[in-house]
C-alpha atoms as a PDB file:
ATOM      1  CA  TYR A   1      24.804 -24.019  -1.771  1.00  0.00           C
ATOM      2  CA  ASN A   2      25.141 -22.521   1.927  1.00  0.00           C
ATOM      3  CA  ARG A   3      23.440 -25.968   3.092  1.00  0.00           C
ATOM      4  CA  GLN A   4      25.711 -27.994   1.031  1.00  0.00           C
ATOM      5  CA  LEU A   5      28.850 -26.081   2.448  1.00  0.00           C
ATOM      6  CA  GLN A   6      27.971 -26.566   6.014  1.00  0.00           C
ATOM      7  CA  SER A   7      27.080 -30.109   5.481  1.00  0.00           C
ATOM      8  CA  ARG A   8      29.333 -33.129   6.518  1.00  0.00           C
ATOM      9  CA  SER A   9      29.442 -34.148   3.054  1.00  0.00           C
ATOM     10  CA  ALA A  10      31.464 -30.769   2.184  1.00  0.00           C
ATOM     11  CA  ASN A  11      34.674 -31.951   4.217  1.00  0.00           C
ATOM     12  CA  SER A  12      34.780 -34.900   1.866  1.00  0.00           C
ATOM     13  CA  LEU A  13      34.959 -32.764  -1.432  1.00  0.00           C
ATOM     14  CA  HIS A  14      38.190 -32.702  -3.290  1.00  0.00           C
ATOM     15  CA  ALA A  15      39.860 -29.296  -3.347  1.00  0.00           C
ATOM     16  CA  GLN A  16      38.477 -28.363  -6.986  1.00  0.00           C
ATOM     17  CA  ALA A  17      35.114 -29.290  -6.030  1.00  0.00           C
ATOM     18  CA  TYR A  18      35.012 -27.509  -2.577  1.00  0.00           C
ATOM     19  CA  THR A  19      36.333 -24.316  -4.214  1.00  0.00           C
ATOM     20  CA  GLU A  20      33.674 -24.310  -6.664  1.00  0.00           C
ATOM     21  CA  LEU A  21      31.226 -24.778  -4.009  1.00  0.00           C
ATOM     22  CA  VAL A  22      32.349 -22.121  -2.082  1.00  0.00           C
ATOM     23  CA  ASN A  23      32.485 -19.669  -5.203  1.00  0.00           C
ATOM     24  CA  ASN A  24      28.692 -20.808  -5.626  1.00  0.00           C
ATOM     25  CA  VAL A  25      27.981 -19.790  -2.273  1.00  0.00           C
ATOM     26  CA  GLN A  26      29.743 -16.348  -2.885  1.00  0.00           C
ATOM     27  CA  SER A  27      28.067 -15.775  -6.017  1.00  0.00           C
ATOM     28  CA  SER A  28      24.585 -16.725  -4.466  1.00  0.00           C
ATOM     29  CA  ASP A  29      25.187 -14.258  -1.778  1.00  0.00           C
ATOM     30  CA  ILE A  30      26.070 -11.463  -4.168  1.00  0.00           C
ATOM     31  CA  GLY A  31      23.087 -12.269  -6.293  1.00  0.00           C
ATOM     32  CA  LEU A  32      20.718 -12.170  -3.213  1.00  0.00           C
ATOM     33  CA  ALA A  33      21.872  -8.871  -2.119  1.00  0.00           C
ATOM     34  CA  ASN A  34      21.484  -7.689  -5.484  1.00  0.00           C
ATOM     35  CA  THR A  35      18.026  -9.163  -5.695  1.00  0.00           C
ATOM     36  CA  GLY A  36      17.269  -7.273  -2.528  1.00  0.00           C
ATOM     37  CA  ASN A  37      18.440  -3.820  -3.735  1.00  0.00           C
ATOM     38  CA  THR A  38      16.551  -4.216  -6.872  1.00  0.00           C
ATOM     39  CA  ALA A  39      13.172  -5.112  -4.975  1.00  0.00           C
ATOM     40  CA  PHE A  40      13.454  -2.185  -2.826  1.00  0.00           C
ATOM     41  CA  LEU A  41      14.154   0.149  -5.624  1.00  0.00           C
ATOM     42  CA  ALA A  42      10.975  -1.307  -7.288  1.00  0.00           C
ATOM     43  CA  TYR A  43       8.967  -1.033  -4.254  1.00  0.00           C
ATOM     44  CA  ILE A  44       9.912   2.569  -3.734  1.00  0.00           C
ATOM     45  CA  LYS A  45       9.269   3.666  -7.368  1.00  0.00           C
ATOM     46  CA  HIS A  46       5.769   2.470  -6.759  1.00  0.00           C
ATOM     47  CA  TYR A  47       5.011   3.497  -3.147  1.00  0.00           C
ATOM     48  CA  PRO A  48       7.330   6.489  -2.642  1.00  0.00           C
ATOM     49  CA  LYS A  49       5.713   7.465   0.646  1.00  0.00           C
ATOM     50  CA  SER A  50       5.393   4.233   2.206  1.00  0.00           C
ATOM     51  CA  LYS A  51       5.887   4.448   5.954  1.00  0.00           C
ATOM     52  CA  VAL A  52       7.608   1.156   6.060  1.00  0.00           C
ATOM     53  CA  ALA A  53      10.215   2.123   3.474  1.00  0.00           C
ATOM     54  CA  ALA A  54      12.914   2.677   6.116  1.00  0.00           C
ATOM     55  CA  HIS A  55      12.453  -0.771   7.670  1.00  0.00           C
ATOM     56  CA  LEU A  56      12.810  -2.460   4.159  1.00  0.00           C
ATOM     57  CA  MET A  57      15.889  -0.070   3.336  1.00  0.00           C
ATOM     58  CA  ALA A  58      17.530  -1.467   6.581  1.00  0.00           C
ATOM     59  CA  ASP A  59      18.022  -4.673   5.213  1.00  0.00           C
ATOM     60  CA  ILE A  60      19.736  -3.919   1.843  1.00  0.00           C
ATOM     61  CA  ASP A  61      23.147  -2.974   1.120  1.00  0.00           C
ATOM     62  CA  TYR A  62      22.813   0.743   1.018  1.00  0.00           C
ATOM     63  CA  GLU A  63      26.292   1.529   2.085  1.00  0.00           C
ATOM     64  CA  SER A  64      27.664   0.225  -1.383  1.00  0.00           C
ATOM     65  CA  ASP A  65      26.327   3.613  -3.065  1.00  0.00           C
ATOM     66  CA  PRO A  66      25.681   6.004  -0.074  1.00  0.00           C
ATOM     67  CA  VAL A  67      25.136   9.056  -2.799  1.00  0.00           C
ATOM     68  CA  LYS A  68      22.635   7.208  -4.810  1.00  0.00           C
ATOM     69  CA  TYR A  69      20.760   5.909  -1.565  1.00  0.00           C
ATOM     70  CA  GLN A  70      20.957   9.225   0.345  1.00  0.00           C
ATOM     71  CA  LYS A  71      18.907  10.598  -2.320  1.00  0.00           C
ATOM     72  CA  ILE A  72      16.708   7.959  -2.336  1.00  0.00           C
ATOM     73  CA  PHE A  73      16.264   8.065   1.505  1.00  0.00           C
ATOM     74  CA  MET A  74      15.841  11.907   1.399  1.00  0.00           C
ATOM     75  CA  GLY A  75      12.584  11.220  -0.980  1.00  0.00           C
ATOM     76  CA  LEU A  76      10.998   8.958   1.399  1.00  0.00           C
ATOM     77  CA  SER A  77       8.216  10.108   3.688  1.00  0.00           C
ATOM     78  CA  SER A  78       8.935  12.250   6.766  1.00  0.00           C
ATOM     79  CA  GLU A  79       7.037   9.452   8.937  1.00  0.00           C
ATOM     80  CA  ALA A  80       9.596   6.814   7.214  1.00  0.00           C
ATOM     81  CA  ARG A  81      12.603   9.014   7.776  1.00  0.00           C
ATOM     82  CA  ASN A  82      11.910   9.697  11.578  1.00  0.00           C
ATOM     83  CA  THR A  83      11.415   6.218  12.566  1.00  0.00           C
ATOM     84  CA  ASP A  84      14.065   4.686  14.579  1.00  0.00           C
ATOM     85  CA  GLU A  85      15.355   2.744  11.773  1.00  0.00           C
ATOM     86  CA  GLY A  86      15.011   5.794   9.199  1.00  0.00           C
ATOM     87  CA  LYS A  87      16.939   7.884  11.807  1.00  0.00           C
ATOM     88  CA  GLU A  88      19.978   5.592  11.971  1.00  0.00           C
ATOM     89  CA  ILE A  89      20.077   5.093   8.351  1.00  0.00           C
ATOM     90  CA  GLY A  90      20.144   8.850   7.898  1.00  0.00           C
ATOM     91  CA  ILE A  91      22.743   9.378  10.312  1.00  0.00           C
ATOM     92  CA  LYS A  92      24.779   6.781   8.773  1.00  0.00           C
ATOM     93  CA  LEU A  93      24.353   7.642   5.231  1.00  0.00           C
ATOM     94  CA  ALA A  94      25.253  11.383   6.212  1.00  0.00           C
ATOM     95  CA  ARG A  95      28.581  10.090   7.463  1.00  0.00           C
ATOM     96  CA  LEU A  96      29.261   8.009   4.295  1.00  0.00           C
ATOM     97  CA  VAL A  97      28.827  10.536   1.577  1.00  0.00           C
ATOM     98  CA  HIS A  98      31.684  12.225   3.260  1.00  0.00           C
ATOM     99  CA  ILE A  99      34.162   9.441   2.527  1.00  0.00           C
ATOM    100  CA  VAL A 100      33.395   8.572  -1.040  1.00  0.00           C
ATOM    101  CA  PRO A 101      36.190   9.359  -3.580  1.00  0.00           C
ATOM    102  CA  GLY A 102      35.889  13.028  -4.493  1.00  0.00           C
ATOM    103  CA  SER A 103      33.961  14.130  -1.381  1.00  0.00           C
ATOM    104  CA  LYS A 104      35.516  16.723   1.224  1.00  0.00           C
ATOM    105  CA  ALA A 105      36.398  14.349   3.900  1.00  0.00           C
ATOM    106  CA  PRO A 106      35.569  14.748   7.584  1.00  0.00           C
ATOM    107  CA  LEU A 107      38.006  16.734   9.794  1.00  0.00           C
ATOM    108  CA  ILE A 108      39.951  14.955  12.176  1.00  0.00           C
ATOM    109  CA  VAL A 109      38.800  15.213  15.700  1.00  0.00           C
ATOM    110  CA  GLY A 110      41.156  15.393  18.706  1.00  0.00           C
ATOM    111  CA  THR A 111      44.833  16.621  18.943  1.00  0.00           C
ATOM    112  CA  THR A 112      48.404  15.886  18.568  1.00  0.00           C
ATOM    113  CA  PRO A 113      50.260  14.941  21.880  1.00  0.00           C
ATOM    114  CA  ASP A 114      51.257  18.375  22.196  1.00  0.00           C
ATOM    115  CA  GLY A 115      47.617  19.837  21.948  1.00  0.00           C
ATOM    116  CA  LYS A 116      47.700  20.909  18.306  1.00  0.00           C
ATOM    117  CA  THR A 117      44.276  20.433  16.402  1.00  0.00           C
ATOM    118  CA  PHE A 118      44.226  19.443  12.714  1.00  0.00           C
ATOM    119  CA  ASP A 119      44.216  22.204  10.130  1.00  0.00           C
ATOM    120  CA  THR A 120      43.658  21.909   6.568  1.00  0.00           C
ATOM    121  CA  LYS A 121      45.966  24.977   6.115  1.00  0.00           C
ATOM    122  CA  ASN A 122      48.833  23.022   6.939  1.00  0.00           C
ATOM    123  CA  LEU A 123      48.665  20.536   4.031  1.00  0.00           C
ATOM    124  CA  ASN A 124      51.285  21.122   1.646  1.00  0.00           C
ATOM    125  CA  LYS A 125      52.060  17.759  -0.150  1.00  0.00           C
ATOM    126  CA  LYS A 126      50.349  16.413  -3.156  1.00  0.00           C
ATOM    127  CA  LEU A 127      48.890  13.421  -1.316  1.00  0.00           C
ATOM    128  CA  TYR A 128      48.306  12.182   2.098  1.00  0.00           C
ATOM    129  CA  LEU A 129      48.319   8.796   3.450  1.00  0.00           C
ATOM    130  CA  LEU A 130      45.714   8.386   6.456  1.00  0.00           C
ATOM    131  CA  GLU A 131      46.139   5.748   8.718  1.00  0.00           C
ATOM    132  CA  ILE A 132      43.624   4.738  11.566  1.00  0.00           C
ATOM    133  CA  TRP A 133      45.118   2.447  14.022  1.00  0.00           C
ATOM    134  CA  LYS A 134      45.407   1.507  17.551  1.00  0.00           C
ATOM    135  CA  ALA A 135      48.295   0.740  19.895  1.00  0.00           C
ATOM    136  CA  SER A 136      47.179  -2.543  20.999  1.00  0.00           C
ATOM    137  CA  ASN A 137      46.583  -3.565  17.122  1.00  0.00           C
ATOM    138  CA  MET A 138      49.504  -5.752  16.275  1.00  0.00           C
ATOM    139  CA  LEU A 139      49.014  -5.500  12.548  1.00  0.00           C
ATOM    140  CA  SER A 140      49.060  -1.580  12.828  1.00  0.00           C
ATOM    141  CA  ARG A 141      52.368  -1.777  14.721  1.00  0.00           C
ATOM    142  CA  THR A 142      54.010  -4.204  12.166  1.00  0.00           C
ATOM    143  CA  ASN A 143      53.072  -2.021   9.209  1.00  0.00           C
ATOM    144  CA  HIS A 144      54.736   1.045  11.181  1.00  0.00           C
ATOM    145  CA  HIS A 145      58.040  -0.691  10.748  1.00  0.00           C
ATOM    146  CA  ASP A 146      57.866   0.022   6.824  1.00  0.00           C
ATOM    147  CA  LEU A 147      56.046   3.384   7.258  1.00  0.00           C
ATOM    148  CA  ALA A 148      58.823   4.470   9.510  1.00  0.00           C
ATOM    149  CA  ASN A 149      61.479   3.410   7.565  1.00  0.00           C
ATOM    150  CA  PRO A 150      62.526   6.334   5.041  1.00  0.00           C
ATOM    151  CA  ALA A 151      64.878   4.200   2.993  1.00  0.00           C
ATOM    152  CA  LEU A 152      62.277   1.597   2.472  1.00  0.00           C
ATOM    153  CA  MET A 153      59.607   3.714   1.802  1.00  0.00           C
ATOM    154  CA  GLN A 154      61.783   5.745  -1.054  1.00  0.00           C
ATOM    155  CA  LYS A 155      62.229   2.439  -2.594  1.00  0.00           C
ATOM    156  CA  ILE A 156      58.612   1.565  -2.716  1.00  0.00           C
ATOM    157  CA  ILE A 157      57.394   5.416  -3.671  1.00  0.00           C
ATOM    158  CA  PRO A 158      59.894   7.093  -5.697  1.00  0.00           C
ATOM    159  CA  ASP A 159      58.189  10.384  -5.570  1.00  0.00           C
ATOM    160  CA  LEU A 160      57.911  10.091  -1.426  1.00  0.00           C
ATOM    161  CA  LYS A 161      58.629  13.841  -1.154  1.00  0.00           C
ATOM    162  CA  ASP A 162      55.044  14.567  -2.409  1.00  0.00           C
ATOM    163  CA  LEU A 163      53.547  11.988   0.005  1.00  0.00           C
ATOM    164  CA  GLY A 164      52.419  13.138   3.502  1.00  0.00           C
ATOM    165  CA  MET A 165      51.202  10.818   6.279  1.00  0.00           C
ATOM    166  CA  ILE A 166      48.700  11.660   8.990  1.00  0.00           C
ATOM    167  CA  SER A 167      47.666   9.010  11.765  1.00  0.00           C
ATOM    168  CA  ILE A 168      44.370   8.853  14.113  1.00  0.00           C
ATOM    169  CA  SER A 169      44.619   6.582  16.874  1.00  0.00           C
ATOM    170  CA  LEU A 170      41.340   4.986  18.504  1.00  0.00           C
ATOM    171  CA  ASP A 171      43.047   4.569  21.674  1.00  0.00           C
ATOM    172  CA  HIS A 172      41.472   5.466  24.827  1.00  0.00           C
ATOM    173  CA  ASN A 173      44.629   5.228  27.070  1.00  0.00           C
ATOM    174  CA  ARG A 174      46.685   8.056  26.519  1.00  0.00           C
ATOM    175  CA  ASP A 175      50.193   6.512  28.087  1.00  0.00           C
ATOM    176  CA  TRP A 176      49.514   3.435  25.495  1.00  0.00           C
ATOM    177  CA  TRP A 177      49.103   5.749  22.574  1.00  0.00           C
ATOM    178  CA  LEU A 178      52.500   7.807  23.503  1.00  0.00           C
ATOM    179  CA  ASN A 179      54.537   4.759  23.986  1.00  0.00           C
ATOM    180  CA  ALA A 180      53.403   3.261  20.704  1.00  0.00           C
ATOM    181  CA  ILE A 181      54.407   6.370  19.209  1.00  0.00           C
ATOM    182  CA  GLN A 182      57.840   6.490  20.566  1.00  0.00           C
ATOM    183  CA  GLU A 183      58.574   2.858  20.300  1.00  0.00           C
ATOM    184  CA  ASP A 184      57.458   2.646  16.670  1.00  0.00           C
ATOM    185  CA  LYS A 185      59.335   5.773  15.969  1.00  0.00           C
ATOM    186  CA  LEU A 186      56.371   7.622  14.259  1.00  0.00           C
ATOM    187  CA  THR A 187      57.640  11.210  13.174  1.00  0.00           C
ATOM    188  CA  TRP A 188      54.447  12.280  11.265  1.00  0.00           C
ATOM    189  CA  PRO A 189      51.551  14.035  12.906  1.00  0.00           C
ATOM    190  CA  GLN A 190      49.547  11.825  15.034  1.00  0.00           C
ATOM    191  CA  TYR A 191      45.974  12.741  16.408  1.00  0.00           C
ATOM    192  CA  SER A 192      43.281  11.062  18.822  1.00  0.00           C
ATOM    193  CA  ASP A 193      40.298  12.151  20.651  1.00  0.00           C
ATOM    194  CA  LEU A 194      41.265   9.340  23.192  1.00  0.00           C
ATOM    195  CA  LYS A 195      37.805   7.946  22.940  1.00  0.00           C
ATOM    196  CA  GLY A 196      38.562   4.239  21.946  1.00  0.00           C
ATOM    197  CA  ASN A 197      35.935   2.575  20.048  1.00  0.00           C
ATOM    198  CA  GLU A 198      33.635   5.338  20.765  1.00  0.00           C
ATOM    199  CA  SER A 199      35.733   8.088  18.827  1.00  0.00           C
ATOM    200  CA  LEU A 200      34.166  10.243  16.456  1.00  0.00           C
ATOM    201  CA  ASN A 201      36.912   9.621  14.044  1.00  0.00           C
ATOM    202  CA  GLY A 202      35.985   5.915  14.039  1.00  0.00           C
ATOM    203  CA  LEU A 203      32.379   6.820  13.204  1.00  0.00           C
ATOM    204  CA  ASN A 204      33.328   9.459  10.841  1.00  0.00           C
ATOM    205  CA  TRP A 205      35.396   7.018   8.640  1.00  0.00           C
ATOM    206  CA  ASN A 206      33.179   4.183   9.069  1.00  0.00           C
ATOM    207  CA  VAL A 207      36.105   2.295  10.481  1.00  0.00           C
ATOM    208  CA  THR A 208      35.340  -1.556  10.658  1.00  0.00           C
ATOM    209  CA  ASN A 209      38.970  -2.927  10.825  1.00  0.00           C
ATOM    210  CA  LEU A 210      42.181  -1.825  11.872  1.00  0.00           C
ATOM    211  CA  PRO A 211      44.587  -0.482  10.529  1.00  0.00           C
ATOM    212  CA  THR A 212      42.400   1.515   7.970  1.00  0.00           C
ATOM    213  CA  TYR A 213      44.090   3.391   5.306  1.00  0.00           C
ATOM    214  CA  CYS A 214      42.848   6.128   3.005  1.00  0.00           C
ATOM    215  CA  LEU A 215      44.182   8.526   0.317  1.00  0.00           C
ATOM    216  CA  LEU A 216      43.483  12.324   0.318  1.00  0.00           C
ATOM    217  CA  ASP A 217      44.695  15.117  -1.600  1.00  0.00           C
ATOM    218  CA  ASN A 218      45.768  18.518  -0.325  1.00  0.00           C
ATOM    219  CA  GLN A 219      42.322  19.963  -0.566  1.00  0.00           C
ATOM    220  CA  TRP A 220      41.258  17.328   1.951  1.00  0.00           C
ATOM    221  CA  ARG A 221      39.151  15.662  -0.611  1.00  0.00           C
ATOM    222  CA  VAL A 222      39.093  11.861  -0.368  1.00  0.00           C
ATOM    223  CA  VAL A 223      41.040  10.067  -3.339  1.00  0.00           C
ATOM    224  CA  GLU A 224      40.584   6.311  -2.213  1.00  0.00           C
ATOM    225  CA  ASN A 225      38.808   5.229   0.809  1.00  0.00           C
ATOM    226  CA  ASP A 226      39.421   2.097   3.002  1.00  0.00           C
ATOM    227  CA  LEU A 227      42.475   0.520   0.973  1.00  0.00           C
ATOM    228  CA  MET A 228      44.260  -2.679   1.701  1.00  0.00           C
ATOM    229  CA  TRP A 229      47.671  -2.460   2.794  1.00  0.00           C
ATOM    230  CA  THR A 230      49.006  -4.234  -0.217  1.00  0.00           C
ATOM    231  CA  GLU A 231      47.345  -1.625  -2.635  1.00  0.00           C
ATOM    232  CA  LEU A 232      48.811   1.545  -1.292  1.00  0.00           C
ATOM    233  CA  PRO A 233      51.897   1.640  -3.099  1.00  0.00           C
ATOM    234  CA  ILE A 234      49.986   0.915  -6.532  1.00  0.00           C
ATOM    235  CA  VAL A 235      47.377   3.589  -5.887  1.00  0.00           C
ATOM    236  CA  ILE A 236      50.164   6.191  -4.294  1.00  0.00           C
ATOM    237  CA  ASN A 237      52.430   5.919  -7.316  1.00  0.00           C
ATOM    238  CA  ARG A 238      49.780   5.871  -9.979  1.00  0.00           C
ATOM    239  CA  TYR A 239      48.188   8.960  -8.303  1.00  0.00           C
ATOM    240  CA  LEU A 240      51.554  10.745  -8.049  1.00  0.00           C
ATOM    241  CA  ALA A 241      52.629  10.100 -11.505  1.00  0.00           C
ATOM    242  CA  HIS A 242      49.417  11.839 -12.733  1.00  0.00           C
ATOM    243  CA  HIS A 243      49.364  15.011 -10.723  1.00  0.00           C
END
């Protein structure tokens, strides 16, 4: 299917045929990923102390279920876990298990512009929207127009009084960060360690795109992680209606 899609003949297909081909490619890719995971699990079942297990694990989608695969990883031999690939997987899984729904979330690293550190004792709302952004990211800045508009937010989220907002910036330049906060009229708590792409916040939350949105309760447990912008009102309203 991939070869068909990349061929010149694909360009001559009518819309429906091309869509079917794309869907077949996607289904094929998903099937291959599932096959790889299944083969790995079968291998581990037969050879639980294999020294090459971490090497095999590096090629599967272990991020899809970090809790499950961390348990499997901890059952591998110490030789496998202590290889370069094994150490990398272990570190990644240790971070990922803290951002699955229901888990106690990682604490925010860094400070507010006036030097205050994050403290879960200050959480007094039913639900928190955590935004991870950067001053140079235009989508982040555009979405701020809605987030910083109380009248609009009240229409979208009727129980707005029960929602708190917290932002983490992945900026490295303090002036850029502060200017963006002022320009976008952001009134909720803002944090940054000013380490840019090397930020521990980015690593701890496994940020792969900006902005990233997560929902947490007032015990700093993950409710939902890595939500799309368009999903936020639906998930927020559903949670607040039942809590």
